[in-house]
Amino acid sequence: MTCMSGAGAYGVPDAPAPDLHAMSARQINTLFGEDRQDTLNNDFLLKDAINLSMGNPAPNEVLTDGTILIHGCRPHSCIEKSATIMEGAAGRVLAAGLLHFNCRLLVREDVPASNAALPDRPCRQEPTLEVFIIRRSDTPQALARETGYLSALRQWGRRSGYEGESVHVKVVGARRR
């Protein structure tokens, strides 16, 4: 894969490169809204988990189909990571990935009268790869591209290693065939 950044990388000499991390974060905020899941903590907002886990950005990567992998890791916890696949330099988020430890911290209501039943760890020892495919169309071509996004995010996740995997399809105004 090739890294692209800096002036001239997008075919316009001396033009500043777009801030793809910021573009991705804004779209993630819109796409995931108030969706919640146990990721970095109990019932955590997915948009916050994905954006926080990209707080230390890594260089963008252009994938073989021309899409761009934007990724990074969580500040002070770089074992938690996230990535998005974007459709070109000014495009939409097509998929997102999150490496997390399924954390579920105990709250007072969870603590039994006897501490004997408390789990040793509130989080898993090995990360889980959570993949979110953003489906805007269900044409055969669009569905075939989704397979490529899933493959790219699995490859990205393998660089860090992961044990469990969960794949979700988030339908956003999908057009029927």
Foldseek 3Di string as FASTA:
>chain_A
DDFAAAACSQPHHPDHQDPVLVVQLVQLCVQQPLQFAQFQEHRHRPSCLQNQQCVAWDTWDQDPVRWIKTKAGHPPCRLWIKIFTANHRPGHTFKMKTWGFSAYDDDPVRQDPDNPPPDPGRTHPFTEIEMEGEAQEDDPVSVVVSVVVVVVSVVVCPVSDGDHYHYHYRYDNYDYD
